[in-house]
């Protein structure tokens, strides 16, 4: 199940807002940039480079996987943030799951 439209970053200006003024947290496989927004809900965007996953099918699969992880841990994440998740290198899905959960827990500290 995917994130609802209210919880997704869609426009380029939303991504730019996070990248130009956000804070970065780096993990083994993923990088998270986040910035506080003006709403009471957190919104997420995912970036998977063609450098690591050549086929669009693989990139979209990774995005769906990350989206499901965020959806399942939505209650544990502080509200009011725009968060962009960037895949830094190619890895197995289990490594990405563990890394994303670890980084999202750091955001709550």
N, C-alpha and C. Protein backbone atom coordinates (compact mmCIF):
# COMPACT_ATOMS: atom_id res chain seq x y z
N UNK A 1 0.84 -1.17 0.00
CA UNK A 1 0.00 0.00 0.00
C UNK A 1 0.89 1.24 0.00
N UNK A 2 0.58 2.19 -0.84
CA UNK A 2 1.40 3.38 -1.00
C UNK A 2 0.98 4.48 -0.02
N UNK A 3 1.82 5.46 0.09
CA UNK A 3 1.51 6.63 0.91
C UNK A 3 0.34 7.40 0.28
N UNK A 4 -0.45 8.05 1.11
CA UNK A 4 -1.54 8.86 0.57
C UNK A 4 -0.96 10.09 -0.11
N UNK A 5 -1.75 10.72 -0.97
CA UNK A 5 -1.27 11.88 -1.71
C UNK A 5 -0.90 13.02 -0.79
N UNK A 6 -1.56 13.12 0.36
CA UNK A 6 -1.26 14.18 1.32
C UNK A 6 0.11 14.00 1.97
N UNK A 7 0.64 12.80 1.93
CA UNK A 7 1.92 12.50 2.58
C UNK A 7 3.07 12.36 1.59
N UNK A 8 2.89 12.85 0.36
CA UNK A 8 3.94 12.74 -0.65
C UNK A 8 4.42 14.11 -1.10
N UNK A 9 5.72 14.21 -1.33
CA UNK A 9 6.28 15.39 -1.99
C UNK A 9 6.16 15.14 -3.49
N UNK A 10 5.57 16.08 -4.21
CA UNK A 10 5.32 15.85 -5.62
C UNK A 10 6.03 16.84 -6.53
N UNK A 11 6.13 18.07 -6.11
CA UNK A 11 6.63 19.11 -6.99
C UNK A 11 8.12 19.34 -6.78
N UNK A 12 8.76 19.82 -7.84
CA UNK A 12 10.20 20.10 -7.78
C UNK A 12 10.49 21.17 -6.73
N UNK A 13 9.61 22.14 -6.58
CA UNK A 13 9.86 23.20 -5.59
C UNK A 13 9.81 22.65 -4.17
N UNK A 14 9.03 21.59 -3.93
CA UNK A 14 9.00 20.95 -2.62
C UNK A 14 10.33 20.26 -2.33
N UNK A 15 10.87 19.57 -3.33
CA UNK A 15 12.16 18.91 -3.17
C UNK A 15 13.27 19.95 -2.97
N UNK A 16 13.21 21.03 -3.74
CA UNK A 16 14.21 22.11 -3.60
C UNK A 16 14.15 22.74 -2.22
N UNK A 17 12.94 22.92 -1.69
CA UNK A 17 12.74 23.48 -0.35
C UNK A 17 13.51 22.66 0.68
N UNK A 18 13.44 21.35 0.56
CA UNK A 18 14.12 20.45 1.51
C UNK A 18 15.63 20.46 1.28
N UNK A 19 16.07 20.38 0.02
CA UNK A 19 17.50 20.29 -0.26
C UNK A 19 18.25 21.56 0.06
N UNK A 20 17.63 22.72 -0.11
CA UNK A 20 18.36 23.97 0.09
C UNK A 20 18.38 24.44 1.53
N UNK A 21 17.48 23.95 2.35
CA UNK A 21 17.50 24.41 3.73
C UNK A 21 17.39 23.30 4.74
N UNK A 22 17.49 22.06 4.28
CA UNK A 22 17.28 20.93 5.17
C UNK A 22 18.53 20.43 5.85
N UNK A 23 18.31 19.54 6.77
CA UNK A 23 19.38 18.89 7.51
C UNK A 23 19.54 17.47 6.98
N UNK A 24 20.76 16.99 6.90
CA UNK A 24 21.02 15.66 6.36
C UNK A 24 21.42 14.69 7.45
N UNK A 25 20.95 13.45 7.30
CA UNK A 25 21.35 12.33 8.15
C UNK A 25 21.73 11.21 7.20
N UNK A 26 22.96 10.71 7.34
CA UNK A 26 23.46 9.70 6.41
C UNK A 26 23.56 8.35 7.10
N UNK A 27 23.11 7.34 6.38
CA UNK A 27 23.22 5.96 6.84
C UNK A 27 24.15 5.19 5.93
N UNK A 28 24.12 3.87 6.06
CA UNK A 28 24.98 3.02 5.24
C UNK A 28 24.56 3.01 3.78
N UNK A 29 23.26 2.99 3.54
CA UNK A 29 22.72 2.86 2.19
C UNK A 29 21.95 4.11 1.78
N UNK A 30 21.33 4.78 2.73
CA UNK A 30 20.43 5.89 2.44
C UNK A 30 20.92 7.21 3.02
N UNK A 31 20.43 8.28 2.44
CA UNK A 31 20.63 9.63 2.95
C UNK A 31 19.25 10.24 3.10
N UNK A 32 19.01 10.87 4.24
CA UNK A 32 17.73 11.53 4.47
C UNK A 32 18.00 13.02 4.66
N UNK A 33 17.29 13.83 3.89
CA UNK A 33 17.30 15.28 4.08
C UNK A 33 15.91 15.63 4.59
N UNK A 34 15.85 16.45 5.64
CA UNK A 34 14.54 16.81 6.18
C UNK A 34 14.52 18.27 6.58
N UNK A 35 13.33 18.83 6.59
CA UNK A 35 13.14 20.22 6.96
C UNK A 35 11.71 20.37 7.48
N UNK A 36 11.57 21.18 8.49
CA UNK A 36 10.26 21.40 9.07
C UNK A 36 9.38 22.16 8.08
N UNK A 37 8.11 21.73 7.97
CA UNK A 37 7.18 22.41 7.09
C UNK A 37 6.13 23.16 7.90
N UNK A 38 5.19 23.76 7.22
CA UNK A 38 4.19 24.59 7.89
C UNK A 38 2.89 23.85 8.14
N UNK A 39 2.87 22.56 7.98
CA UNK A 39 1.65 21.77 8.18
C UNK A 39 1.81 20.85 9.38
N UNK A 40 0.76 20.13 9.66
CA UNK A 40 0.77 19.19 10.79
C UNK A 40 1.01 17.76 10.33
N UNK A 41 1.43 17.58 9.08
CA UNK A 41 1.69 16.23 8.58
C UNK A 41 3.07 16.17 7.93
N UNK A 42 3.64 14.99 7.95
CA UNK A 42 4.93 14.79 7.32
C UNK A 42 4.71 14.33 5.89
N UNK A 43 5.55 14.84 4.99
CA UNK A 43 5.48 14.46 3.58
C UNK A 43 6.82 13.87 3.17
N UNK A 44 6.78 12.87 2.30
CA UNK A 44 7.97 12.12 1.92
C UNK A 44 8.17 12.13 0.41
N UNK A 45 9.43 12.16 0.00
CA UNK A 45 9.81 11.99 -1.39
C UNK A 45 10.96 11.01 -1.45
N UNK A 46 11.04 10.28 -2.56
CA UNK A 46 12.06 9.25 -2.71
C UNK A 46 12.83 9.49 -4.00
N UNK A 47 14.17 9.39 -3.91
CA UNK A 47 15.02 9.55 -5.08
C UNK A 47 15.89 8.31 -5.20
N UNK A 48 15.75 7.64 -6.35
CA UNK A 48 16.56 6.45 -6.64
C UNK A 48 17.23 6.71 -7.98
N UNK A 49 18.55 6.76 -7.99
CA UNK A 49 19.30 7.12 -9.17
C UNK A 49 19.42 5.97 -10.16
N UNK A 50 19.43 6.33 -11.43
CA UNK A 50 19.66 5.34 -12.49
C UNK A 50 21.10 4.86 -12.48
N UNK A 51 21.95 5.54 -11.75
CA UNK A 51 23.34 5.13 -11.63
C UNK A 51 23.46 3.78 -10.94
N UNK A 52 22.57 3.54 -9.98
CA UNK A 52 22.63 2.29 -9.21
C UNK A 52 21.62 1.25 -9.70
N UNK A 53 20.48 1.69 -10.19
CA UNK A 53 19.45 0.79 -10.68
C UNK A 53 19.10 1.22 -12.10
N UNK A 54 19.60 0.49 -13.09
CA UNK A 54 19.50 0.90 -14.48
C UNK A 54 18.07 0.90 -15.02
N UNK A 55 17.27 -0.03 -14.59
CA UNK A 55 15.92 -0.16 -15.14
C UNK A 55 14.90 0.56 -14.28
N UNK A 56 13.95 1.20 -14.94
CA UNK A 56 12.90 1.94 -14.23
C UNK A 56 12.07 1.01 -13.34
N UNK A 57 11.92 -0.21 -13.77
CA UNK A 57 11.17 -1.18 -12.97
C UNK A 57 11.83 -1.37 -11.60
N UNK A 58 13.15 -1.48 -11.60
CA UNK A 58 13.89 -1.66 -10.35
C UNK A 58 13.81 -0.42 -9.48
N UNK A 59 13.93 0.77 -10.10
CA UNK A 59 13.85 2.02 -9.33
C UNK A 59 12.47 2.18 -8.70
N UNK A 60 11.44 1.89 -9.46
CA UNK A 60 10.08 2.01 -8.92
C UNK A 60 9.81 0.99 -7.83
N UNK A 61 10.39 -0.19 -7.95
CA UNK A 61 10.24 -1.22 -6.91
C UNK A 61 10.85 -0.74 -5.60
N UNK A 62 12.02 -0.12 -5.69
CA UNK A 62 12.70 0.41 -4.50
C UNK A 62 11.85 1.52 -3.87
N UNK A 63 11.30 2.39 -4.70
CA UNK A 63 10.45 3.46 -4.18
C UNK A 63 9.22 2.91 -3.48
N UNK A 64 8.61 1.88 -4.05
CA UNK A 64 7.45 1.25 -3.41
C UNK A 64 7.83 0.60 -2.08
N UNK A 65 8.98 -0.04 -2.06
CA UNK A 65 9.47 -0.67 -0.83
C UNK A 65 9.67 0.38 0.26
N UNK A 66 10.35 1.47 -0.07
CA UNK A 66 10.59 2.53 0.91
C UNK A 66 9.28 3.17 1.36
N UNK A 67 8.36 3.33 0.43
CA UNK A 67 7.05 3.90 0.75
C UNK A 67 6.29 3.02 1.74
N UNK A 68 6.35 1.71 1.55
CA UNK A 68 5.69 0.78 2.47
C UNK A 68 6.30 0.84 3.86
N UNK A 69 7.61 0.98 3.94
CA UNK A 69 8.28 1.07 5.24
C UNK A 69 7.83 2.33 5.96
N UNK A 70 7.79 3.44 5.24
CA UNK A 70 7.35 4.70 5.84
C UNK A 70 5.90 4.60 6.28
N UNK A 71 5.06 4.00 5.44
CA UNK A 71 3.64 3.84 5.77
C UNK A 71 3.46 3.02 7.05
N UNK A 72 4.23 1.96 7.20
CA UNK A 72 4.09 1.11 8.37
C UNK A 72 4.60 1.77 9.65
N UNK A 73 5.54 2.70 9.52
CA UNK A 73 6.09 3.36 10.71
C UNK A 73 5.63 4.81 10.83
N UNK A 74 4.53 5.15 10.19
CA UNK A 74 4.02 6.52 10.18
C UNK A 74 3.74 7.03 11.60
N UNK A 75 3.27 6.19 12.48
CA UNK A 75 2.96 6.62 13.85
C UNK A 75 4.18 6.96 14.67
N UNK A 76 5.34 6.44 14.30
CA UNK A 76 6.57 6.68 15.05
C UNK A 76 7.32 7.93 14.60
N UNK A 77 6.88 8.54 13.50
CA UNK A 77 7.59 9.66 12.92
C UNK A 77 6.96 10.97 13.39
N UNK A 78 7.81 11.92 13.79
CA UNK A 78 7.30 13.23 14.19
C UNK A 78 6.57 13.88 13.03
N UNK A 79 5.51 14.59 13.34
CA UNK A 79 4.72 15.27 12.30
C UNK A 79 5.30 16.65 12.02
N UNK A 80 5.02 17.15 10.82
CA UNK A 80 5.42 18.50 10.47
C UNK A 80 6.77 18.59 9.77
N UNK A 81 7.19 17.53 9.08
CA UNK A 81 8.46 17.55 8.37
C UNK A 81 8.27 17.15 6.91
N UNK A 82 9.07 17.75 6.04
CA UNK A 82 9.22 17.28 4.66
C UNK A 82 10.51 16.49 4.64
N UNK A 83 10.43 15.26 4.17
CA UNK A 83 11.57 14.34 4.22
C UNK A 83 11.82 13.77 2.83
N UNK A 84 13.08 13.84 2.39
CA UNK A 84 13.49 13.24 1.12
C UNK A 84 14.47 12.12 1.42
N UNK A 85 14.17 10.94 0.91
CA UNK A 85 15.02 9.76 1.10
C UNK A 85 15.76 9.51 -0.22
N UNK A 86 17.09 9.50 -0.16
CA UNK A 86 17.93 9.31 -1.34
C UNK A 86 18.70 8.00 -1.17
N UNK A 87 18.65 7.16 -2.19
CA UNK A 87 19.41 5.91 -2.16
C UNK A 87 20.84 6.22 -2.61
N UNK A 88 21.82 5.99 -1.72
CA UNK A 88 23.22 6.32 -1.99
C UNK A 88 23.98 5.24 -2.75
N UNK A 89 23.57 4.00 -2.56
CA UNK A 89 24.28 2.92 -3.24
C UNK A 89 23.36 1.72 -3.37
N UNK A 90 23.76 0.80 -4.21
CA UNK A 90 22.96 -0.39 -4.44
C UNK A 90 23.10 -1.34 -3.26
N UNK A 91 21.97 -1.86 -2.80
CA UNK A 91 21.99 -2.78 -1.67
C UNK A 91 20.74 -3.65 -1.72
N UNK A 92 20.73 -4.65 -0.89
CA UNK A 92 19.57 -5.52 -0.78
C UNK A 92 18.43 -4.79 -0.07
N UNK A 93 17.23 -5.24 -0.29
CA UNK A 93 16.06 -4.58 0.29
C UNK A 93 16.06 -4.65 1.82
N UNK A 94 16.58 -5.74 2.37
CA UNK A 94 16.63 -5.86 3.83
C UNK A 94 17.57 -4.82 4.45
N UNK A 95 18.67 -4.53 3.77
CA UNK A 95 19.59 -3.50 4.25
C UNK A 95 18.94 -2.13 4.21
N UNK A 96 18.18 -1.88 3.13
CA UNK A 96 17.48 -0.60 3.02
C UNK A 96 16.43 -0.44 4.10
N UNK A 97 15.70 -1.52 4.38
CA UNK A 97 14.68 -1.47 5.43
C UNK A 97 15.30 -1.12 6.78
N UNK A 98 16.37 -1.81 7.12
CA UNK A 98 17.01 -1.58 8.41
C UNK A 98 17.59 -0.17 8.49
N UNK A 99 18.21 0.27 7.41
CA UNK A 99 18.81 1.60 7.39
C UNK A 99 17.75 2.69 7.49
N UNK A 100 16.64 2.54 6.77
CA UNK A 100 15.58 3.55 6.82
C UNK A 100 14.95 3.63 8.20
N UNK A 101 14.69 2.49 8.81
CA UNK A 101 14.10 2.50 10.16
C UNK A 101 15.06 3.14 11.16
N UNK A 102 16.34 2.86 11.02
CA UNK A 102 17.35 3.47 11.89
C UNK A 102 17.40 4.99 11.72
N UNK A 103 17.39 5.45 10.47
CA UNK A 103 17.47 6.89 10.21
C UNK A 103 16.20 7.60 10.65
N UNK A 104 15.05 6.99 10.47
CA UNK A 104 13.80 7.61 10.90
C UNK A 104 13.74 7.71 12.43
N UNK A 105 14.33 6.74 13.12
CA UNK A 105 14.37 6.82 14.57
C UNK A 105 15.28 7.96 15.03
N UNK A 106 16.34 8.26 14.27
CA UNK A 106 17.22 9.38 14.61
C UNK A 106 16.51 10.72 14.47
N UNK A 107 15.56 10.80 13.53
CA UNK A 107 14.80 12.04 13.36
C UNK A 107 13.96 12.36 14.59
N UNK A 108 13.53 11.34 15.29
CA UNK A 108 12.67 11.54 16.47
C UNK A 108 13.44 11.96 17.70
N UNK A 109 14.76 11.85 17.67
CA UNK A 109 15.57 12.23 18.84
C UNK A 109 15.69 13.72 19.00
